[in-house]
Amino acid sequence: MRKTKRFRKVVKWDTFKWSNNNPTFRDNHFLFISFLFMIPIVGQILWILCLYFALGYRQVYYKEVK
């Protein structure tokens, strides 16, 4: 019988851009942005943009299971 290869899906996120380890993005920046989300129309537009850019930092690849 022929042996089939098995793969598993790996999703890797680039979290450095929005983390506290990044010197250009700190908690006070996040606090200011969170206040912008309280404005209804601006908050909805920012939320859509955040989802769009967050998916851009995602890497999906398949790794062979041994």
PDB file of N, CA and C in Angstrom:
ATOM      1  N   MET A   1       0.832  -1.190   0.000  1.00  0.00           N
ATOM      2  CA  MET A   1       0.000   0.000   0.000  1.00  0.00           C
ATOM      3  C   MET A   1       0.875   1.250   0.000  1.00  0.00           C
ATOM      4  N   ARG A   2       0.392   2.241  -0.658  1.00  0.00           N
ATOM      5  CA  ARG A   2       1.150   3.490  -0.743  1.00  0.00           C
ATOM      6  C   ARG A   2       0.868   4.372   0.480  1.00  0.00           C
ATOM      7  N   LYS A   3       1.927   4.929   1.030  1.00  0.00           N
ATOM      8  CA  LYS A   3       1.776   5.777   2.209  1.00  0.00           C
ATOM      9  C   LYS A   3       1.483   7.218   1.765  1.00  0.00           C
ATOM     10  N   THR A   4       0.472   7.823   2.356  1.00  0.00           N
ATOM     11  CA  THR A   4       0.128   9.203   1.996  1.00  0.00           C
ATOM     12  C   THR A   4       0.782  10.165   2.985  1.00  0.00           C
ATOM     13  N   LYS A   5       1.152  11.317   2.479  1.00  0.00           N
ATOM     14  CA  LYS A   5       1.743  12.337   3.340  1.00  0.00           C
ATOM     15  C   LYS A   5       0.634  13.138   4.000  1.00  0.00           C
ATOM     16  N   ARG A   6       0.882  13.499   5.243  1.00  0.00           N
ATOM     17  CA  ARG A   6      -0.092  14.303   5.970  1.00  0.00           C
ATOM     18  C   ARG A   6       0.511  15.675   6.246  1.00  0.00           C
ATOM     19  N   PHE A   7      -0.331  16.682   6.156  1.00  0.00           N
ATOM     20  CA  PHE A   7       0.106  18.052   6.392  1.00  0.00           C
ATOM     21  C   PHE A   7      -0.796  18.692   7.435  1.00  0.00           C
ATOM     22  N   ARG A   8      -0.235  19.637   8.162  1.00  0.00           N
ATOM     23  CA  ARG A   8      -1.067  20.417   9.076  1.00  0.00           C
ATOM     24  C   ARG A   8      -0.904  21.890   8.761  1.00  0.00           C
ATOM     25  N   LYS A   9      -1.967  22.619   8.956  1.00  0.00           N
ATOM     26  CA  LYS A   9      -1.984  24.042   8.621  1.00  0.00           C
ATOM     27  C   LYS A   9      -1.332  24.839   9.751  1.00  0.00           C
ATOM     28  N   VAL A  10      -0.424  25.727   9.390  1.00  0.00           N
ATOM     29  CA  VAL A  10       0.257  26.579  10.363  1.00  0.00           C
ATOM     30  C   VAL A  10      -0.058  28.026  10.018  1.00  0.00           C
ATOM     31  N   VAL A  11      -0.559  28.769  10.999  1.00  0.00           N
ATOM     32  CA  VAL A  11      -0.851  30.193  10.811  1.00  0.00           C
ATOM     33  C   VAL A  11       0.098  30.974  11.705  1.00  0.00           C
ATOM     34  N   LYS A  12       0.882  31.846  11.096  1.00  0.00           N
ATOM     35  CA  LYS A  12       1.869  32.616  11.845  1.00  0.00           C
ATOM     36  C   LYS A  12       1.524  34.096  11.714  1.00  0.00           C
ATOM     37  N   TRP A  13       1.474  34.777  12.853  1.00  0.00           N
ATOM     38  CA  TRP A  13       1.147  36.201  12.879  1.00  0.00           C
ATOM     39  C   TRP A  13       2.402  36.995  13.165  1.00  0.00           C
ATOM     40  N   ASP A  14       2.573  38.102  12.470  1.00  0.00           N
ATOM     41  CA  ASP A  14       3.665  39.020  12.761  1.00  0.00           C
ATOM     42  C   ASP A  14       3.155  40.007  13.810  1.00  0.00           C
ATOM     43  N   THR A  15       3.487  39.751  15.080  1.00  0.00           N
ATOM     44  CA  THR A  15       2.920  40.541  16.169  1.00  0.00           C
ATOM     45  C   THR A  15       3.822  41.681  16.607  1.00  0.00           C
ATOM     46  N   PHE A  16       4.998  41.824  16.025  1.00  0.00           N
ATOM     47  CA  PHE A  16       5.916  42.861  16.500  1.00  0.00           C
ATOM     48  C   PHE A  16       5.396  44.265  16.204  1.00  0.00           C
ATOM     49  N   LYS A  17       4.733  44.431  15.080  1.00  0.00           N
ATOM     50  CA  LYS A  17       4.314  45.782  14.673  1.00  0.00           C
ATOM     51  C   LYS A  17       3.359  46.412  15.675  1.00  0.00           C
ATOM     52  N   TRP A  18       2.484  45.622  16.293  1.00  0.00           N
ATOM     53  CA  TRP A  18       1.489  46.185  17.208  1.00  0.00           C
ATOM     54  C   TRP A  18       1.764  45.825  18.663  1.00  0.00           C
ATOM     55  N   SER A  19       2.949  45.344  18.993  1.00  0.00           N
ATOM     56  CA  SER A  19       3.243  44.943  20.369  1.00  0.00           C
ATOM     57  C   SER A  19       3.941  46.065  21.127  1.00  0.00           C
ATOM     58  N   ASN A  20       4.070  45.891  22.446  1.00  0.00           N
ATOM     59  CA  ASN A  20       4.749  46.885  23.273  1.00  0.00           C
ATOM     60  C   ASN A  20       6.263  46.813  23.118  1.00  0.00           C
ATOM     61  N   ASN A  21       6.791  45.776  22.481  1.00  0.00           N
ATOM     62  CA  ASN A  21       8.233  45.701  22.229  1.00  0.00           C
ATOM     63  C   ASN A  21       8.656  46.662  21.128  1.00  0.00           C
ATOM     64  N   ASN A  22       7.706  47.075  20.339  1.00  0.00           N
ATOM     65  CA  ASN A  22       7.991  48.015  19.263  1.00  0.00           C
ATOM     66  C   ASN A  22       8.082  49.424  19.859  1.00  0.00           C
ATOM     67  N   PRO A  23       9.222  50.103  19.726  1.00  0.00           N
ATOM     68  CA  PRO A  23       9.369  51.416  20.379  1.00  0.00           C
ATOM     69  C   PRO A  23       8.479  52.507  19.795  1.00  0.00           C
ATOM     70  N   THR A  24       7.947  52.316  18.591  1.00  0.00           N
ATOM     71  CA  THR A  24       7.112  53.362  17.998  1.00  0.00           C
ATOM     72  C   THR A  24       5.637  53.215  18.362  1.00  0.00           C
ATOM     73  N   PHE A  25       5.266  52.129  19.003  1.00  0.00           N
ATOM     74  CA  PHE A  25       3.844  51.894  19.326  1.00  0.00           C
ATOM     75  C   PHE A  25       3.749  51.467  20.785  1.00  0.00           C
ATOM     76  N   ARG A  26       3.310  52.346  21.647  1.00  0.00           N
ATOM     77  CA  ARG A  26       3.214  52.070  23.082  1.00  0.00           C
ATOM     78  C   ARG A  26       1.762  52.130  23.546  1.00  0.00           C
ATOM     79  N   ASP A  27       1.575  51.937  24.835  1.00  0.00           N
ATOM     80  CA  ASP A  27       0.218  51.890  25.385  1.00  0.00           C
ATOM     81  C   ASP A  27      -0.531  53.204  25.222  1.00  0.00           C
ATOM     82  N   ASN A  28       0.174  54.339  25.315  1.00  0.00           N
ATOM     83  CA  ASN A  28      -0.539  55.613  25.190  1.00  0.00           C
ATOM     84  C   ASN A  28      -1.044  55.827  23.763  1.00  0.00           C
ATOM     85  N   HIS A  29      -0.340  55.297  22.767  1.00  0.00           N
ATOM     86  CA  HIS A  29      -0.855  55.354  21.399  1.00  0.00           C
ATOM     87  C   HIS A  29      -2.144  54.538  21.292  1.00  0.00           C
ATOM     88  N   PHE A  30      -2.127  53.366  21.921  1.00  0.00           N
ATOM     89  CA  PHE A  30      -3.305  52.509  21.875  1.00  0.00           C
ATOM     90  C   PHE A  30      -4.483  53.177  22.577  1.00  0.00           C
ATOM     91  N   LEU A  31      -4.216  53.883  23.678  1.00  0.00           N
ATOM     92  CA  LEU A  31      -5.284  54.567  24.397  1.00  0.00           C
ATOM     93  C   LEU A  31      -5.907  55.658  23.534  1.00  0.00           C
ATOM     94  N   PHE A  32      -5.077  56.407  22.837  1.00  0.00           N
ATOM     95  CA  PHE A  32      -5.590  57.455  21.955  1.00  0.00           C
ATOM     96  C   PHE A  32      -6.427  56.863  20.826  1.00  0.00           C
ATOM     97  N   ILE A  33      -5.957  55.771  20.242  1.00  0.00           N
ATOM     98  CA  ILE A  33      -6.700  55.131  19.151  1.00  0.00           C
ATOM     99  C   ILE A  33      -8.017  54.556  19.670  1.00  0.00           C
ATOM    100  N   SER A  34      -8.006  54.026  20.907  1.00  0.00           N
ATOM    101  CA  SER A  34      -9.246  53.463  21.449  1.00  0.00           C
ATOM    102  C   SER A  34     -10.304  54.551  21.673  1.00  0.00           C
ATOM    103  N   PHE A  35      -9.875  55.787  21.961  1.00  0.00           N
ATOM    104  CA  PHE A  35     -10.845  56.880  22.062  1.00  0.00           C
ATOM    105  C   PHE A  35     -11.465  57.193  20.702  1.00  0.00           C
ATOM    106  N   LEU A  36     -10.688  57.047  19.639  1.00  0.00           N
ATOM    107  CA  LEU A  36     -11.244  57.282  18.303  1.00  0.00           C
ATOM    108  C   LEU A  36     -12.318  56.256  17.954  1.00  0.00           C
ATOM    109  N   PHE A  37     -12.177  55.036  18.497  1.00  0.00           N
ATOM    110  CA  PHE A  37     -13.162  53.996  18.218  1.00  0.00           C
ATOM    111  C   PHE A  37     -14.515  54.300  18.859  1.00  0.00           C
ATOM    112  N   MET A  38     -14.559  55.226  19.813  1.00  0.00           N
ATOM    113  CA  MET A  38     -15.824  55.560  20.461  1.00  0.00           C
ATOM    114  C   MET A  38     -16.704  56.436  19.570  1.00  0.00           C
ATOM    115  N   ILE A  39     -16.127  57.083  18.577  1.00  0.00           N
ATOM    116  CA  ILE A  39     -16.915  57.869  17.625  1.00  0.00           C
ATOM    117  C   ILE A  39     -17.511  56.887  16.613  1.00  0.00           C
ATOM    118  N   PRO A  40     -18.825  56.842  16.456  1.00  0.00           N
ATOM    119  CA  PRO A  40     -19.448  55.746  15.696  1.00  0.00           C
ATOM    120  C   PRO A  40     -18.935  55.541  14.272  1.00  0.00           C
ATOM    121  N   ILE A  41     -18.986  56.548  13.432  1.00  0.00           N
ATOM    122  CA  ILE A  41     -18.612  56.356  12.024  1.00  0.00           C
ATOM    123  C   ILE A  41     -17.109  56.131  11.895  1.00  0.00           C
ATOM    124  N   VAL A  42     -16.335  56.939  12.603  1.00  0.00           N
ATOM    125  CA  VAL A  42     -14.872  56.809  12.543  1.00  0.00           C
ATOM    126  C   VAL A  42     -14.447  55.459  13.090  1.00  0.00           C
ATOM    127  N   GLY A  43     -15.115  55.009  14.157  1.00  0.00           N
ATOM    128  CA  GLY A  43     -14.788  53.717  14.751  1.00  0.00           C
ATOM    129  C   GLY A  43     -15.036  52.558  13.800  1.00  0.00           C
ATOM    130  N   GLN A  44     -16.121  52.626  13.053  1.00  0.00           N
ATOM    131  CA  GLN A  44     -16.420  51.544  12.109  1.00  0.00           C
ATOM    132  C   GLN A  44     -15.407  51.506  10.972  1.00  0.00           C
ATOM    133  N   ILE A  45     -15.027  52.676  10.480  1.00  0.00           N
ATOM    134  CA  ILE A  45     -14.034  52.724   9.399  1.00  0.00           C
ATOM    135  C   ILE A  45     -12.680  52.230   9.897  1.00  0.00           C
ATOM    136  N   LEU A  46     -12.287  52.658  11.098  1.00  0.00           N
ATOM    137  CA  LEU A  46     -11.011  52.200  11.660  1.00  0.00           C
ATOM    138  C   LEU A  46     -11.017  50.697  11.910  1.00  0.00           C
ATOM    139  N   TRP A  47     -12.161  50.159  12.346  1.00  0.00           N
ATOM    140  CA  TRP A  47     -12.256  48.724  12.614  1.00  0.00           C
ATOM    141  C   TRP A  47     -12.060  47.915  11.324  1.00  0.00           C
ATOM    142  N   ILE A  48     -12.671  48.359  10.244  1.00  0.00           N
ATOM    143  CA  ILE A  48     -12.504  47.675   8.956  1.00  0.00           C
ATOM    144  C   ILE A  48     -11.053  47.757   8.492  1.00  0.00           C
ATOM    145  N   LEU A  49     -10.432  48.921   8.658  1.00  0.00           N
ATOM    146  CA  LEU A  49      -9.022  49.064   8.277  1.00  0.00           C
ATOM    147  C   LEU A  49      -8.113  48.185   9.125  1.00  0.00           C
ATOM    148  N   CYS A  50      -8.400  48.089  10.420  1.00  0.00           N
ATOM    149  CA  CYS A  50      -7.581  47.240  11.300  1.00  0.00           C
ATOM    150  C   CYS A  50      -7.678  45.777  10.886  1.00  0.00           C
ATOM    151  N   LEU A  51      -8.875  45.323  10.564  1.00  0.00           N
ATOM    152  CA  LEU A  51      -9.029  43.936  10.115  1.00  0.00           C
ATOM    153  C   LEU A  51      -8.285  43.695   8.809  1.00  0.00           C
ATOM    154  N   TYR A  52      -8.358  44.648   7.905  1.00  0.00           N
ATOM    155  CA  TYR A  52      -7.687  44.511   6.614  1.00  0.00           C
ATOM    156  C   TYR A  52      -6.174  44.421   6.790  1.00  0.00           C
ATOM    157  N   PHE A  53      -5.607  45.304   7.603  1.00  0.00           N
ATOM    158  CA  PHE A  53      -4.155  45.301   7.789  1.00  0.00           C
ATOM    159  C   PHE A  53      -3.691  44.122   8.638  1.00  0.00           C
ATOM    160  N   ALA A  54      -4.528  43.682   9.586  1.00  0.00           N
ATOM    161  CA  ALA A  54      -4.140  42.542  10.418  1.00  0.00           C
ATOM    162  C   ALA A  54      -4.046  41.274   9.587  1.00  0.00           C
ATOM    163  N   LEU A  55      -4.954  41.096   8.641  1.00  0.00           N
ATOM    164  CA  LEU A  55      -4.884  39.908   7.793  1.00  0.00           C
ATOM    165  C   LEU A  55      -3.677  39.959   6.865  1.00  0.00           C
ATOM    166  N   GLY A  56      -3.167  41.137   6.610  1.00  0.00           N
ATOM    167  CA  GLY A  56      -1.967  41.263   5.788  1.00  0.00           C
ATOM    168  C   GLY A  56      -0.723  40.763   6.490  1.00  0.00           C
ATOM    169  N   TYR A  57      -0.734  40.728   7.836  1.00  0.00           N
ATOM    170  CA  TYR A  57       0.430  40.277   8.592  1.00  0.00           C
ATOM    171  C   TYR A  57       0.343  38.802   8.944  1.00  0.00           C
ATOM    172  N   ARG A  58      -0.578  38.085   8.321  1.00  0.00           N
ATOM    173  CA  ARG A  58      -0.757  36.665   8.610  1.00  0.00           C
ATOM    174  C   ARG A  58      -0.085  35.832   7.530  1.00  0.00           C
ATOM    175  N   GLN A  59       0.652  34.809   7.960  1.00  0.00           N
ATOM    176  CA  GLN A  59       1.270  33.877   7.013  1.00  0.00           C
ATOM    177  C   GLN A  59       0.651  32.502   7.233  1.00  0.00           C
ATOM    178  N   VAL A  60       0.161  31.907   6.165  1.00  0.00           N
ATOM    179  CA  VAL A  60      -0.424  30.572   6.239  1.00  0.00           C
ATOM    180  C   VAL A  60       0.401  29.648   5.365  1.00  0.00           C
ATOM    181  N   TYR A  61       0.861  28.556   5.967  1.00  0.00           N
ATOM    182  CA  TYR A  61       1.572  27.560   5.179  1.00  0.00           C
ATOM    183  C   TYR A  61       1.292  26.184   5.770  1.00  0.00           C
ATOM    184  N   TYR A  62       1.619  25.161   5.002  1.00  0.00           N
ATOM    185  CA  TYR A  62       1.350  23.795   5.419  1.00  0.00           C
ATOM    186  C   TYR A  62       2.662  23.089   5.721  1.00  0.00           C
ATOM    187  N   LYS A  63       2.702  22.415   6.879  1.00  0.00           N
ATOM    188  CA  LYS A  63       3.902  21.723   7.329  1.00  0.00           C
ATOM    189  C   LYS A  63       3.636  20.223   7.314  1.00  0.00           C
ATOM    190  N   GLU A  64       4.616  19.472   6.874  1.00  0.00           N
ATOM    191  CA  GLU A  64       4.443  18.023   6.790  1.00  0.00           C
ATOM    192  C   GLU A  64       4.528  17.401   8.175  1.00  0.00           C
ATOM    193  N   VAL A  65       3.585  16.534   8.493  1.00  0.00           N
ATOM    194  CA  VAL A  65       3.567  15.830   9.775  1.00  0.00           C
ATOM    195  C   VAL A  65       4.322  14.525   9.603  1.00  0.00           C
ATOM    196  N   LYS A  66       5.286  14.309  10.468  1.00  0.00           N
ATOM    197  CA  LYS A  66       6.086  13.070  10.352  1.00  0.00           C
ATOM    198  C   LYS A  66       5.579  11.993  11.268  1.00  0.00           C
TER     199      LYS A  66
END
